[in-house]
Every structure is written in C-alpha cells, then in structure tokens.
Amino acid sequence: MRTTSPVLARRFRDIVARVGAAFREQRTIDAQRALQRYRHLLAQPRDTSLLNEIIPVSNEEDISGNAHRSDACERAAGHPTFERA
C-alpha cells in the first residue's frame, strides 16, 4: 500500500481549512446583509398600525343607501331620491 507524505497531507488540510474559513466568512457577510435588509421587519412595533384599529361603521340607513347608490343625507332631508332601475 502506498502512504501519503506528511507534507502533502498538511497542505491538503491547510487548503481545506482555508476553504472552510472562506465559507464561514461569506456566511457571516450574508447574514449581516440579510439583517440590514430586513431590519424593519425585525424591529419592535412602536405604536399600533392604523390597519389594526376598528373603523366605526355608520348606521344601517347609510349603509343601505350607499348600497343602492343613493345618498342617505338626501333622504333624511326630505329630498326625493331616484334609484336607477
């Protein structure tokens, strides 16, 4: 059987160690870039968003009037309203 020389084995280990170190360094750089890019998603919310607030709903008359394309204010004022057929 043939054995490798200690010099070649040491060189091979040095090359593997350098490649491993380069991979680890690149992963560190990629992780830092990802943290910078998505920092706004990781930050704690400062105050509640407007989307999370409850929007007050007007009374049923306004809702049904808007559904039929008429203005509830006009009906309340006594003005006749004409709905489209």
Protein backbone atom coordinates (compact mmCIF):
# COMPACT_ATOMS: atom_id res chain seq x y z
CA MET A 1 0.00 0.00 0.00
CA ARG A 2 1.02 3.46 -0.71
CA THR A 3 1.05 6.14 2.00
CA THR A 4 0.89 9.89 1.54
CA SER A 5 3.69 12.02 2.68
CA PRO A 6 3.13 14.18 5.76
CA VAL A 7 3.89 17.29 3.72
CA LEU A 8 1.10 16.59 1.22
CA ALA A 9 -1.37 15.75 3.99
CA ARG A 10 -0.57 19.01 5.77
CA ARG A 11 -1.01 21.00 2.56
CA PHE A 12 -4.34 19.30 1.91
CA ARG A 13 -5.53 20.12 5.46
CA ASP A 14 -4.40 23.73 5.04
CA ILE A 15 -6.36 24.06 1.79
CA VAL A 16 -9.48 22.52 3.35
CA ALA A 17 -9.15 24.81 6.37
CA ARG A 18 -8.83 27.89 4.14
CA VAL A 19 -11.88 26.92 2.09
CA GLY A 20 -13.86 26.32 5.29
CA ALA A 21 -12.78 29.70 6.67
CA ALA A 22 -13.81 31.40 3.42
CA PHE A 23 -17.25 29.74 3.58
CA ARG A 24 -17.73 30.83 7.21
CA GLU A 25 -16.70 34.40 6.39
CA GLN A 26 -19.10 34.52 3.44
CA ARG A 27 -21.95 33.21 5.60
CA THR A 28 -21.21 35.95 8.15
CA ILE A 29 -21.31 38.60 5.42
CA ASP A 30 -24.57 37.20 4.02
CA ALA A 31 -26.16 37.11 7.47
CA GLN A 32 -25.22 40.75 8.12
CA ARG A 33 -26.67 41.80 4.76
CA ALA A 34 -29.91 39.93 5.48
CA LEU A 35 -30.22 41.60 8.88
CA GLN A 36 -29.69 45.03 7.33
CA ARG A 37 -32.16 44.33 4.52
CA TYR A 38 -34.94 43.04 6.77
CA ARG A 39 -34.24 45.20 9.82
CA HIS A 40 -37.64 46.88 9.50
CA LEU A 41 -39.38 43.50 9.78
CA LEU A 42 -37.45 42.51 12.88
CA ALA A 43 -37.95 45.81 14.73
CA GLN A 44 -40.47 46.05 17.55
CA PRO A 45 -43.63 47.93 16.58
CA ARG A 46 -43.64 51.41 18.09
CA ASP A 47 -47.38 52.02 18.03
CA THR A 48 -50.43 50.31 16.66
CA SER A 49 -50.93 50.44 12.97
CA LEU A 50 -53.92 52.23 11.51
CA LEU A 51 -54.95 48.96 9.89
CA ASN A 52 -55.38 47.35 13.30
CA GLU A 53 -57.78 49.99 14.58
CA ILE A 54 -61.50 49.44 14.43
CA ILE A 55 -63.17 51.66 11.88
CA PRO A 56 -66.51 52.98 13.14
CA VAL A 57 -69.43 51.93 10.96
CA SER A 58 -72.29 54.29 10.26
CA ASN A 59 -75.87 53.31 10.87
CA GLU A 60 -77.76 50.83 8.72
CA GLU A 61 -79.60 53.53 6.79
CA ASP A 62 -76.35 54.98 5.48
CA ILE A 63 -75.07 51.55 4.54
CA SER A 64 -78.20 50.53 2.66
CA GLY A 65 -78.38 53.94 0.97
CA ASN A 66 -74.83 53.61 -0.29
CA ALA A 67 -75.56 50.09 -1.48
CA HIS A 68 -78.40 51.42 -3.67
CA ARG A 69 -76.34 54.37 -4.94
CA SER A 70 -78.38 56.94 -3.12
CA ASP A 71 -77.36 59.45 -0.52
CA ALA A 72 -78.75 58.92 2.98
CA CYS A 73 -78.36 62.65 3.70
CA GLU A 74 -80.75 63.49 0.87
CA ARG A 75 -83.36 61.07 2.18
CA ALA A 76 -83.02 62.44 5.66
CA ALA A 77 -83.51 66.00 4.43
CA GLY A 78 -86.79 65.06 2.74
CA HIS A 79 -85.49 65.32 -0.79
CA PRO A 80 -86.84 62.66 -3.14
CA THR A 81 -84.31 60.19 -4.37
CA PHE A 82 -84.45 58.34 -7.63
CA GLU A 83 -82.86 54.94 -7.85
CA ARG A 84 -81.63 53.57 -11.11
CA ALA A 85 -83.53 50.62 -12.47
